[in-house]
Amino acid sequence: MQRHYPVVIAGGGTAGLTVAAQLVNVLDPSRIALIEPNDRHFYQPLWTLVGGGVFPKEESMRDEAEFIPAGVTWIQEYVSAFDPDQNRVALKNGDALTYDYLVVALGIQIDWDKIKGLREALAERNGVCSNYSYETVDRTWENIRSFRGGVAVFTQPSTPIKCGGAPQKIAYLADDHFRRAGVRSRSAIKFFSGTGGIFSVKKYADALTAVCRRKGIETHFQHELVEINHRQKEAVFQSLASGERVSVRYDMIHVTPPMSSPDVIKQSKLAASTGWVEVDQFSLQHVRYSNVFALGDCSNLPTSKTGAAIRKQAPVVVENLVAAMEGRPLESVYDGYTSCPLVTGYGSLILAEFDYQLMPKESFPFDQSRERYSMYALKAYGLPAMYWNGMLRGRM
């Protein structure tokens, strides 16, 4: 079966739903199809606090159907291929859709198998955990609250990841809990990152370096986790500077797995050489296919992959898509704004906001590089409400 829609949105995560919710304000919803196989939707920024024991994971989940705009056709299937030369999207069940305009919002792919032994380690529940799936996120809190001292390791890969600050946030919460539980004095916390530093923006990097120093967290940069031996409780890291491998013993380890563009994008003509959808960084229009737009984690935009970035990207896509449909110039511009609420403990947070130039672009009339309870409350209570009731409803 092949069906045609004027607008097809591939992906019903944060980006796809936000675009759909805004598009129906200016287009007849019957002209829009949204492809999304999953019947559950997750507010993933909450998973740091779930892993830290603040919320149950069920708080992060809603039914996908609740956020499909009325009148939009929901195609509950996986995309199997893109053929932009024929304006065609193939589906896993053998059907296909054709379109006049396409919005690609398939998110990011988590490459669990790129770390040898990780899947087996997560299945065994032997001190290994990860906040990066709904199925494993509550295990992080199990490990933190049952920790009785020893070595706690937290990792970050060198690849782009969703919310670049999340791997260190859970380390800060663990430190806080260990102190409250009276085990911090007999514990070592080690943060291993494949990146070159703690954060990309100097203002916030300086503040976070001070947090690590105050908390006594060891930092090791340009070290990529490549293997876990859960029976021996050893993690193997490769130095990206020397190529040497280093084995580190742990009592618990929180793993942030490597991530990449979804394979279906990598294998298509939409991809840049990096595998991400190749769009103009300001208009979000594809550089070779003028009837294709992309946003969010699957795009090659040179900024952090966050929901806050999507909140600024979505109206640009909508305005420029409608302009293209009407034959007008594409005048809406995305400046690279993104935000990362960096939890530094229970009740404290640094709110990093910045643009393409890695220059702070702050929303509040105070120094956001300082740890504040007000910003923690915004993350824990304000932003989820804004997400469910604002972004996904097309209201902001």
Protein backbone atom coordinates (compact mmCIF):
# COMPACT_ATOMS: atom_id res chain seq x y z
CA MET A 1 0.00 0.00 0.00
CA GLN A 2 1.23 3.52 -0.80
CA ARG A 3 -0.42 6.66 0.49
CA HIS A 4 0.33 10.32 -0.15
CA TYR A 5 0.36 13.23 2.30
CA PRO A 6 1.40 16.83 1.74
CA VAL A 7 3.50 16.68 4.94
CA VAL A 8 5.05 13.58 6.52
CA ILE A 9 6.78 13.78 9.89
CA ALA A 10 9.12 10.85 10.54
CA GLY A 11 9.38 10.40 14.30
CA GLY A 12 6.98 11.06 17.16
CA GLY A 13 9.42 11.91 19.93
CA THR A 14 9.96 15.37 21.36
CA ALA A 15 10.84 16.95 18.00
CA GLY A 16 8.19 15.26 15.89
CA LEU A 17 5.34 15.88 18.30
CA THR A 18 6.32 19.51 18.88
CA VAL A 19 6.42 20.21 15.14
CA ALA A 20 3.10 18.42 14.61
CA ALA A 21 1.45 20.37 17.43
CA GLN A 22 2.60 23.68 15.94
CA LEU A 23 1.85 22.74 12.33
CA VAL A 24 -1.82 22.03 13.01
CA ASN A 25 -2.19 25.68 14.03
CA VAL A 26 -1.48 26.73 10.44
CA LEU A 27 -2.26 23.66 8.29
CA ASP A 28 -5.27 21.39 7.94
CA PRO A 29 -4.27 18.40 10.14
CA SER A 30 -5.67 15.96 7.56
CA ARG A 31 -2.72 16.97 5.34
CA ILE A 32 -0.21 15.68 7.93
CA ALA A 33 0.96 12.14 8.69
CA LEU A 34 3.19 11.29 11.64
CA ILE A 35 5.18 8.04 11.68
CA GLU A 36 5.92 6.68 15.15
CA PRO A 37 5.87 2.99 16.16
CA ASN A 38 5.83 3.36 19.94
CA ASP A 39 2.67 3.72 22.00
CA ARG A 40 4.52 5.21 24.99
CA HIS A 41 6.25 8.58 25.19
CA PHE A 42 9.00 9.39 27.70
CA TYR A 43 10.19 12.66 29.17
CA GLN A 44 13.79 11.52 29.27
CA PRO A 45 15.31 14.57 31.02
CA LEU A 46 13.64 13.28 34.18
CA TRP A 47 15.69 10.08 34.12
CA THR A 48 18.64 11.71 35.90
CA LEU A 49 16.38 12.37 38.89
CA VAL A 50 14.81 8.91 38.58
CA GLY A 51 18.31 7.43 38.74
CA GLY A 52 18.98 9.60 41.76
CA GLY A 53 15.89 8.32 43.59
CA VAL A 54 13.88 11.56 43.40
CA PHE A 55 11.03 10.29 41.22
CA PRO A 56 9.67 6.87 40.22
CA LYS A 57 10.27 6.17 36.56
CA GLU A 58 6.54 6.04 35.89
CA GLU A 59 6.49 9.84 36.28
CA SER A 60 8.39 10.09 32.99
CA MET A 61 5.88 8.14 30.86
CA ARG A 62 2.65 9.03 29.08
CA ASP A 63 0.61 7.44 26.29
CA GLU A 64 1.79 8.56 22.85
CA ALA A 65 -1.82 8.82 21.66
CA GLU A 66 -2.45 11.62 24.14
CA PHE A 67 -0.11 13.90 22.19
CA ILE A 68 -0.97 13.10 18.57
CA PRO A 69 -2.80 16.27 17.43
CA ALA A 70 -6.44 15.73 16.50
CA GLY A 71 -6.86 15.10 12.78
CA VAL A 72 -3.23 14.10 12.16
CA THR A 73 -2.85 10.59 10.73
CA TRP A 74 -0.72 8.45 13.05
CA ILE A 75 1.18 5.74 11.19
CA GLN A 76 2.22 3.34 13.97
CA GLU A 77 5.14 1.70 12.18
CA TYR A 78 8.93 1.89 11.81
CA VAL A 79 10.63 3.73 8.95
CA SER A 80 12.71 1.23 6.96
CA ALA A 81 14.12 3.54 4.25
CA PHE A 82 14.13 7.08 2.91
CA ASP A 83 14.09 7.76 -0.84
CA PRO A 84 14.22 11.55 -1.14
CA ASP A 85 14.66 11.38 -4.93
CA GLN A 86 11.18 9.85 -5.16
CA ASN A 87 9.73 11.72 -2.15
CA ARG A 88 9.06 8.37 -0.57
CA VAL A 89 9.32 6.80 2.90
CA ALA A 90 9.25 3.00 3.16
CA LEU A 91 7.83 1.33 6.25
CA LYS A 92 8.90 -1.87 7.98
CA ASN A 93 5.56 -3.57 7.24
CA GLY A 94 6.07 -3.14 3.49
CA ASP A 95 3.84 -0.10 3.04
CA ALA A 96 5.12 3.27 1.86
CA LEU A 97 4.21 6.94 2.06
CA THR A 98 4.91 9.66 -0.47
CA TYR A 99 5.04 13.31 0.45
CA ASP A 100 5.40 16.84 -0.82
CA TYR A 101 7.38 17.82 2.28
CA LEU A 102 9.21 15.71 4.85
CA VAL A 103 10.29 16.50 8.41
CA VAL A 104 12.86 14.07 9.81
CA ALA A 105 12.82 13.79 13.60
CA LEU A 106 13.93 10.23 14.38
CA GLY A 107 16.03 11.10 17.40
CA ILE A 108 19.26 9.35 18.31
CA GLN A 109 20.32 5.70 18.29
CA ILE A 110 21.85 4.16 21.41
CA ASP A 111 24.64 1.78 20.45
CA TRP A 112 24.67 -0.56 23.46
CA ASP A 113 26.66 -3.22 21.61
CA LYS A 114 29.63 -0.96 20.90
CA ILE A 115 30.81 -1.58 24.47
CA LYS A 116 31.84 -5.22 24.75
CA GLY A 117 30.00 -7.00 27.53
CA LEU A 118 27.62 -4.13 28.34
CA ARG A 119 24.36 -5.88 27.50
CA GLU A 120 25.33 -8.95 29.52
CA ALA A 121 26.45 -6.76 32.42
CA LEU A 122 23.15 -4.88 32.51
CA ALA A 123 21.24 -8.16 32.45
CA GLU A 124 23.19 -9.56 35.39
CA ARG A 125 22.47 -6.65 37.79
CA ASN A 126 26.00 -6.85 39.18
CA GLY A 127 26.74 -3.21 39.94
CA VAL A 128 26.25 -2.01 36.35
CA CYS A 129 23.53 0.51 35.54
CA SER A 130 22.50 3.15 33.01
CA ASN A 131 19.97 5.98 33.03
CA TYR A 132 19.63 5.72 29.25
CA SER A 133 16.61 3.43 28.96
CA TYR A 134 13.29 3.17 30.74
CA GLU A 135 14.01 -0.49 31.48
CA THR A 136 17.31 0.20 33.27
CA VAL A 137 16.94 3.66 34.79
CA ASP A 138 15.59 2.53 38.17
CA ARG A 139 18.55 0.19 38.58
CA THR A 140 20.80 3.24 38.99
CA TRP A 141 19.02 4.17 42.19
CA GLU A 142 19.18 0.55 43.37
CA ASN A 143 22.97 0.67 43.00
CA ILE A 144 23.40 4.08 44.59
CA ARG A 145 21.26 3.41 47.65
CA SER A 146 22.80 -0.03 48.26
CA PHE A 147 26.39 1.23 47.86
CA ARG A 148 28.44 0.60 50.99
CA GLY A 149 31.74 2.06 49.88
CA GLY A 150 34.39 1.31 47.30
CA VAL A 151 34.83 2.65 43.78
CA ALA A 152 31.95 4.22 41.89
CA VAL A 153 32.67 4.90 38.21
CA PHE A 154 30.67 7.13 35.85
CA THR A 155 31.32 7.24 32.11
CA GLN A 156 30.69 9.43 29.08
CA PRO A 157 31.52 8.47 25.48
CA SER A 158 33.26 10.64 22.92
CA THR A 159 30.25 10.47 20.57
CA PRO A 160 27.47 13.06 20.52
CA ILE A 161 24.86 12.10 23.11
CA LYS A 162 21.46 13.30 24.22
CA CYS A 163 21.91 15.93 26.94
CA GLY A 164 25.68 16.22 27.11
CA GLY A 165 25.72 17.02 30.84
CA ALA A 166 23.69 14.01 32.02
CA PRO A 167 26.63 11.61 32.57
CA GLN A 168 28.17 13.88 35.20
CA LYS A 169 24.87 14.87 36.83
CA ILE A 170 24.28 11.38 38.17
CA ALA A 171 27.81 11.35 39.62
CA TYR A 172 27.03 14.50 41.61
CA LEU A 173 23.79 13.01 42.94
CA ALA A 174 25.60 9.81 43.90
CA ASP A 175 28.18 11.85 45.81
CA ASP A 176 25.40 13.64 47.68
CA HIS A 177 23.67 10.39 48.61
CA PHE A 178 26.91 8.69 49.67
CA ARG A 179 27.55 11.58 52.07
CA ARG A 180 24.06 11.36 53.52
CA ALA A 181 24.42 7.59 53.91
CA GLY A 182 27.76 7.97 55.68
CA VAL A 183 29.77 5.99 53.10
CA ARG A 184 31.50 8.78 51.18
CA SER A 185 34.64 8.70 53.34
CA ARG A 186 35.31 5.12 52.25
CA SER A 187 34.42 5.72 48.60
CA ALA A 188 36.15 6.95 45.46
CA ILE A 189 34.11 8.51 42.67
CA LYS A 190 35.72 8.48 39.23
CA PHE A 191 34.36 10.20 36.13
CA PHE A 192 35.80 8.93 32.83
CA SER A 193 34.93 10.84 29.67
CA GLY A 194 35.92 10.37 26.05
CA THR A 195 35.61 14.11 25.57
CA GLY A 196 38.39 16.60 26.15
CA GLY A 197 36.90 18.41 29.13
CA ILE A 198 34.07 18.68 31.62
CA PHE A 199 31.94 21.03 29.47
CA SER A 200 32.18 22.88 26.17
CA VAL A 201 31.43 26.40 27.47
CA LYS A 202 34.21 27.87 29.58
CA LYS A 203 31.98 29.74 32.03
CA TYR A 204 30.15 26.56 33.00
CA ALA A 205 33.24 24.37 32.70
CA ASP A 206 34.99 26.49 35.33
CA ALA A 207 32.01 26.14 37.67
CA LEU A 208 31.76 22.38 37.15
CA THR A 209 35.50 21.90 37.67
CA ALA A 210 35.05 23.60 41.02
CA VAL A 211 32.13 21.27 41.83
CA CYS A 212 34.29 18.21 41.07
CA ARG A 213 37.10 19.59 43.20
CA ARG A 214 34.78 20.32 46.12
CA LYS A 215 33.19 16.89 45.94
CA GLY A 216 36.49 15.07 45.49
CA ILE A 217 35.48 13.50 42.17
CA GLU A 218 38.40 12.25 40.08
CA THR A 219 38.11 13.28 36.41
CA HIS A 220 39.78 11.44 33.53
CA PHE A 221 39.27 12.87 30.04
CA GLN A 222 39.89 11.36 26.61
CA HIS A 223 39.20 7.92 28.04
CA GLU A 224 36.62 5.84 26.16
CA LEU A 225 34.89 2.87 27.79
CA VAL A 226 35.33 -0.10 25.43
CA GLU A 227 34.61 -3.17 27.57
CA ILE A 228 33.02 -4.32 30.81
CA ASN A 229 33.87 -7.58 32.58
CA HIS A 230 31.04 -7.70 35.08
CA ARG A 231 32.22 -10.94 36.68
CA GLN A 232 35.57 -9.39 37.63
CA LYS A 233 33.99 -5.95 38.07
CA GLU A 234 36.51 -4.37 35.72
CA ALA A 235 35.95 -1.63 33.16
CA VAL A 236 38.39 -1.24 30.27
CA PHE A 237 39.05 2.24 28.92
CA GLN A 238 41.04 3.24 25.87
CA SER A 239 43.06 6.44 25.99
CA LEU A 240 42.15 8.47 22.92
CA ALA A 241 45.49 10.28 23.25
CA SER A 242 47.88 7.30 23.44
CA GLY A 243 45.72 4.36 22.36
CA GLU A 244 46.65 2.46 25.51
CA ARG A 245 44.05 0.47 27.42
CA VAL A 246 43.52 0.87 31.14
CA SER A 247 41.55 -1.49 33.40
CA VAL A 248 39.67 0.08 36.29
CA ARG A 249 38.09 -1.93 39.09
CA TYR A 250 34.64 -0.80 40.24
CA ASP A 251 32.03 -1.64 42.83
CA MET A 252 29.35 0.17 40.82
CA ILE A 253 29.49 1.74 37.38
CA HIS A 254 27.01 3.98 35.60
CA VAL A 255 27.47 3.72 31.83
CA THR A 256 26.49 6.30 29.25
CA PRO A 257 26.58 4.26 26.04
CA PRO A 258 27.86 5.64 22.72
CA MET A 259 25.21 7.06 20.41
CA SER A 260 24.84 7.79 16.72
CA SER A 261 22.38 8.70 14.01
CA PRO A 262 19.74 6.00 13.40
CA ASP A 263 20.93 3.41 10.89
CA VAL A 264 18.00 4.17 8.57
CA ILE A 265 19.34 7.71 8.22
CA LYS A 266 22.98 6.67 7.87
CA GLN A 267 21.99 4.42 4.96
CA SER A 268 20.03 7.14 3.14
CA LYS A 269 20.86 10.04 0.82
CA LEU A 270 19.71 12.39 3.56
CA ALA A 271 22.86 11.75 5.59
CA ALA A 272 25.99 13.85 5.76
CA SER A 273 29.34 12.02 5.90
CA THR A 274 28.90 11.93 9.69
CA GLY A 275 25.64 9.99 9.37
CA TRP A 276 23.36 12.77 10.67
CA VAL A 277 20.71 14.44 8.49
CA GLU A 278 22.51 17.20 6.60
CA VAL A 279 20.65 20.48 7.06
CA ASP A 280 21.50 24.16 6.93
CA GLN A 281 22.27 25.11 10.50
CA PHE A 282 20.18 28.27 10.38
CA SER A 283 17.10 27.38 8.28
CA LEU A 284 17.03 23.63 9.16
CA GLN A 285 16.28 22.89 5.49
CA HIS A 286 18.17 19.99 3.91
CA VAL A 287 21.17 21.18 1.92
CA ARG A 288 20.32 19.03 -1.16
CA TYR A 289 16.59 18.34 -0.90
CA SER A 290 14.67 21.58 -0.52
CA ASN A 291 11.43 19.84 0.51
CA VAL A 292 13.08 18.12 3.48
CA PHE A 293 13.66 19.59 6.94
CA ALA A 294 15.16 18.01 10.06
CA LEU A 295 15.60 18.93 13.69
CA GLY A 296 16.48 17.45 17.04
CA ASP A 297 18.96 14.72 17.83
CA CYS A 298 19.07 13.17 14.32
CA SER A 299 20.23 16.39 12.65
CA ASN A 300 23.83 17.47 12.09
CA LEU A 301 23.29 20.83 13.79
CA PRO A 302 26.51 21.77 15.62
CA THR A 303 24.94 22.19 19.04
CA SER A 304 24.08 20.02 22.04
CA LYS A 305 21.23 17.56 21.55
CA THR A 306 18.63 18.63 24.11
CA GLY A 307 14.90 19.16 24.40
CA ALA A 308 15.56 22.85 25.00
CA ALA A 309 17.26 23.04 21.60
CA ILE A 310 14.22 21.40 20.01
CA ARG A 311 11.95 23.99 21.63
CA LYS A 312 13.79 26.68 19.65
CA GLN A 313 14.22 24.60 16.48
CA ALA A 314 10.59 23.54 16.08
CA PRO A 315 9.11 26.98 15.29
CA VAL A 316 11.91 27.58 12.78
CA VAL A 317 11.05 24.34 10.98
CA VAL A 318 7.33 25.14 11.01
CA GLU A 319 7.73 28.70 9.76
CA ASN A 320 10.21 27.75 7.04
CA LEU A 321 8.23 24.69 5.97
CA VAL A 322 5.08 26.75 5.53
CA ALA A 323 7.08 29.42 3.69
CA ALA A 324 8.46 26.78 1.32
CA MET A 325 4.96 25.42 0.69
CA GLU A 326 3.77 28.92 -0.17
CA GLY A 327 6.77 29.77 -2.33
CA ARG A 328 8.10 32.42 0.04
CA PRO A 329 11.71 32.95 1.19
CA LEU A 330 12.78 31.04 4.28
CA GLU A 331 13.34 33.81 6.80
CA SER A 332 13.17 32.09 10.19
CA VAL A 333 16.61 31.50 11.74
CA TYR A 334 17.86 29.15 14.48
CA ASP A 335 20.90 30.54 16.32
CA GLY A 336 22.04 27.30 17.93
CA TYR A 337 20.44 27.94 21.32
CA THR A 338 20.52 24.98 23.66
CA SER A 339 20.27 24.46 27.38
CA CYS A 340 21.56 21.91 29.85
CA PRO A 341 20.25 21.99 33.43
CA LEU A 342 23.28 20.61 35.29
CA VAL A 343 22.15 19.04 38.55
CA THR A 344 25.06 19.28 41.02
CA GLY A 345 23.29 17.67 43.97
CA TYR A 346 19.91 17.29 45.62
CA GLY A 347 18.53 20.82 45.54
CA SER A 348 21.28 22.50 43.49
CA LEU A 349 21.67 23.14 39.78
CA ILE A 350 23.69 25.16 37.28
CA LEU A 351 21.56 26.21 34.31
CA ALA A 352 23.78 26.31 31.22
CA GLU A 353 22.31 28.11 28.21
CA PHE A 354 24.36 28.95 25.14
CA ASP A 355 24.41 29.25 21.33
CA TYR A 356 26.43 28.11 18.32
CA GLN A 357 29.35 30.27 19.35
CA LEU A 358 29.43 28.59 22.80
CA MET A 359 28.54 31.94 24.29
CA PRO A 360 26.19 32.00 27.30
CA LYS A 361 22.65 33.01 26.34
CA GLU A 362 20.98 33.13 29.73
CA SER A 363 17.30 33.62 30.49
CA PHE A 364 17.50 34.95 34.05
CA PRO A 365 18.95 38.19 35.46
CA PHE A 366 21.60 36.47 37.56
CA ASP A 367 24.75 34.40 37.11
CA GLN A 368 23.47 30.99 36.03
CA SER A 369 26.87 29.35 36.55
CA ARG A 370 26.21 29.48 40.30
CA GLU A 371 24.45 26.53 41.92
CA ARG A 372 20.90 27.41 42.95
CA TYR A 373 17.89 25.67 44.45
CA SER A 374 15.53 27.75 42.29
CA MET A 375 17.06 26.28 39.13
CA TYR A 376 16.84 22.77 40.60
CA ALA A 377 13.13 23.33 41.30
CA LEU A 378 12.71 24.55 37.72
CA LYS A 379 14.21 21.32 36.39
CA ALA A 380 12.38 18.99 38.77
CA TYR A 381 8.94 20.57 38.67
CA GLY A 382 8.71 23.45 36.18
CA LEU A 383 10.23 21.96 33.05
CA PRO A 384 8.23 18.69 33.09
CA ALA A 385 4.99 20.68 33.33
CA MET A 386 6.13 22.95 30.51
CA TYR A 387 6.99 19.90 28.42
CA TRP A 388 3.75 17.96 28.80
CA ASN A 389 1.39 20.94 28.79
CA GLY A 390 3.33 23.40 26.62
CA MET A 391 5.79 22.00 24.10
CA LEU A 392 3.88 18.88 23.13
CA ARG A 393 0.66 20.88 22.89
CA GLY A 394 2.14 23.48 20.53
CA ARG A 395 1.78 26.25 23.09
CA MET A 396 5.46 27.16 23.44
